[in-house]
Amino acid sequence: MGLLSMILTAPAAPVRFVDWTARQVLDAAERELYDPSRIRQQLAELSERLDAGELSESEFDQAEDELLDQLEEAERYQQGLL
């Protein structure tokens, strides 16, 4: 990049930095959201709560369905289908 173009684009540097930062935060959030191991851990914890009597069967079924949907979506994301 030449000196002239650096001088002319310098005022836009803060905007580019904010854009870059926002993309990094979004990427990190997506990686966490679509982490199959995290969802499997939540399923295991859910099962433990059912065994401990903290959840009813219907509460367990509803939460399990939601987590299984998230797991399916996470696997599609990992395969690049989302």
C-alpha atoms as a PDB file:
ATOM      1  CA  MET A   1       0.000   0.000   0.000  1.00  0.00           C
ATOM      2  CA  GLY A   2       1.456   3.309  -0.983  1.00  0.00           C
ATOM      3  CA  LEU A   3       1.975   6.261   1.279  1.00  0.00           C
ATOM      4  CA  LEU A   4      -0.735   8.298  -0.454  1.00  0.00           C
ATOM      5  CA  SER A   5      -3.376   5.600  -0.126  1.00  0.00           C
ATOM      6  CA  MET A   6      -2.409   5.086   3.545  1.00  0.00           C
ATOM      7  CA  ILE A   7      -2.916   8.794   4.171  1.00  0.00           C
ATOM      8  CA  LEU A   8      -6.218   8.898   2.302  1.00  0.00           C
ATOM      9  CA  THR A   9      -7.679   5.798   3.985  1.00  0.00           C
ATOM     10  CA  ALA A  10      -6.433   6.573   7.506  1.00  0.00           C
ATOM     11  CA  PRO A  11      -9.720   8.209   8.588  1.00  0.00           C
ATOM     12  CA  ALA A  12     -11.532   4.940   7.825  1.00  0.00           C
ATOM     13  CA  ALA A  13      -9.188   2.869  10.028  1.00  0.00           C
ATOM     14  CA  PRO A  14     -11.419   3.037  13.137  1.00  0.00           C
ATOM     15  CA  VAL A  15     -14.401   1.849  11.099  1.00  0.00           C
ATOM     16  CA  ARG A  16     -12.397  -1.048   9.651  1.00  0.00           C
ATOM     17  CA  PHE A  17     -11.210  -1.949  13.156  1.00  0.00           C
ATOM     18  CA  VAL A  18     -14.760  -1.969  14.534  1.00  0.00           C
ATOM     19  CA  ASP A  19     -15.900  -4.094  11.585  1.00  0.00           C
ATOM     20  CA  TRP A  20     -13.025  -6.544  12.083  1.00  0.00           C
ATOM     21  CA  THR A  21     -13.722  -6.749  15.832  1.00  0.00           C
ATOM     22  CA  ALA A  22     -17.434  -7.363  15.268  1.00  0.00           C
ATOM     23  CA  ARG A  23     -16.646 -10.176  12.802  1.00  0.00           C
ATOM     24  CA  GLN A  24     -14.245 -11.780  15.298  1.00  0.00           C
ATOM     25  CA  VAL A  25     -16.856 -11.664  18.070  1.00  0.00           C
ATOM     26  CA  LEU A  26     -19.526 -13.088  15.767  1.00  0.00           C
ATOM     27  CA  ASP A  27     -17.231 -15.899  14.613  1.00  0.00           C
ATOM     28  CA  ALA A  28     -16.396 -16.817  18.207  1.00  0.00           C
ATOM     29  CA  ALA A  29     -20.065 -16.805  19.191  1.00  0.00           C
ATOM     30  CA  GLU A  30     -20.961 -19.043  16.249  1.00  0.00           C
ATOM     31  CA  ARG A  31     -18.177 -21.483  17.086  1.00  0.00           C
ATOM     32  CA  GLU A  32     -19.467 -21.736  20.655  1.00  0.00           C
ATOM     33  CA  LEU A  33     -23.110 -21.940  19.618  1.00  0.00           C
ATOM     34  CA  TYR A  34     -22.427 -24.651  17.052  1.00  0.00           C
ATOM     35  CA  ASP A  35     -20.073 -26.735  19.221  1.00  0.00           C
ATOM     36  CA  PRO A  36     -21.401 -30.327  19.185  1.00  0.00           C
ATOM     37  CA  SER A  37     -19.337 -31.317  22.239  1.00  0.00           C
ATOM     38  CA  ARG A  38     -20.936 -28.532  24.299  1.00  0.00           C
ATOM     39  CA  ILE A  39     -24.406 -29.677  23.279  1.00  0.00           C
ATOM     40  CA  ARG A  40     -23.588 -33.322  24.067  1.00  0.00           C
ATOM     41  CA  GLN A  41     -22.397 -32.201  27.507  1.00  0.00           C
ATOM     42  CA  GLN A  42     -25.689 -30.389  28.037  1.00  0.00           C
ATOM     43  CA  LEU A  43     -27.554 -33.573  27.046  1.00  0.00           C
ATOM     44  CA  ALA A  44     -25.558 -35.554  29.617  1.00  0.00           C
ATOM     45  CA  GLU A  45     -26.284 -32.966  32.307  1.00  0.00           C
ATOM     46  CA  LEU A  46     -29.956 -33.039  31.375  1.00  0.00           C
ATOM     47  CA  SER A  47     -30.015 -36.812  31.783  1.00  0.00           C
ATOM     48  CA  GLU A  48     -28.331 -36.508  35.180  1.00  0.00           C
ATOM     49  CA  ARG A  49     -30.967 -33.990  36.274  1.00  0.00           C
ATOM     50  CA  LEU A  50     -33.715 -36.402  35.215  1.00  0.00           C
ATOM     51  CA  ASP A  51     -32.062 -39.234  37.157  1.00  0.00           C
ATOM     52  CA  ALA A  52     -31.743 -36.973  40.206  1.00  0.00           C
ATOM     53  CA  GLY A  53     -35.457 -36.162  40.044  1.00  0.00           C
ATOM     54  CA  GLU A  54     -34.897 -32.478  39.294  1.00  0.00           C
ATOM     55  CA  LEU A  55     -36.925 -32.701  36.071  1.00  0.00           C
ATOM     56  CA  SER A  56     -40.173 -34.361  35.125  1.00  0.00           C
ATOM     57  CA  GLU A  57     -40.338 -36.612  32.065  1.00  0.00           C
ATOM     58  CA  SER A  58     -42.167 -33.939  30.073  1.00  0.00           C
ATOM     59  CA  GLU A  59     -39.619 -31.246  30.993  1.00  0.00           C
ATOM     60  CA  PHE A  60     -36.818 -33.621  30.057  1.00  0.00           C
ATOM     61  CA  ASP A  61     -38.447 -34.527  26.738  1.00  0.00           C
ATOM     62  CA  GLN A  62     -38.957 -30.892  25.798  1.00  0.00           C
ATOM     63  CA  ALA A  63     -35.407 -29.854  26.719  1.00  0.00           C
ATOM     64  CA  GLU A  64     -33.951 -32.939  25.036  1.00  0.00           C
ATOM     65  CA  ASP A  65     -35.826 -32.187  21.796  1.00  0.00           C
ATOM     66  CA  GLU A  66     -34.454 -28.644  21.784  1.00  0.00           C
ATOM     67  CA  LEU A  67     -30.901 -29.838  22.396  1.00  0.00           C
ATOM     68  CA  LEU A  68     -31.166 -32.522  19.720  1.00  0.00           C
ATOM     69  CA  ASP A  69     -32.365 -29.883  17.252  1.00  0.00           C
ATOM     70  CA  GLN A  70     -29.378 -27.719  18.224  1.00  0.00           C
ATOM     71  CA  LEU A  71     -27.051 -30.703  17.794  1.00  0.00           C
ATOM     72  CA  GLU A  72     -28.414 -31.396  14.322  1.00  0.00           C
ATOM     73  CA  GLU A  73     -27.974 -27.746  13.388  1.00  0.00           C
ATOM     74  CA  ALA A  74     -24.437 -27.721  14.815  1.00  0.00           C
ATOM     75  CA  GLU A  75     -23.502 -30.769  12.768  1.00  0.00           C
ATOM     76  CA  ARG A  76     -24.837 -29.099   9.607  1.00  0.00           C
ATOM     77  CA  TYR A  77     -22.819 -25.986  10.496  1.00  0.00           C
ATOM     78  CA  GLN A  78     -19.671 -28.075  10.982  1.00  0.00           C
ATOM     79  CA  GLN A  79     -20.234 -29.613   7.536  1.00  0.00           C
ATOM     80  CA  GLY A  80     -20.550 -26.139   6.034  1.00  0.00           C
ATOM     81  CA  LEU A  81     -24.215 -26.525   5.155  1.00  0.00           C
ATOM     82  CA  LEU A  82     -25.340 -23.430   7.088  1.00  0.00           C
END
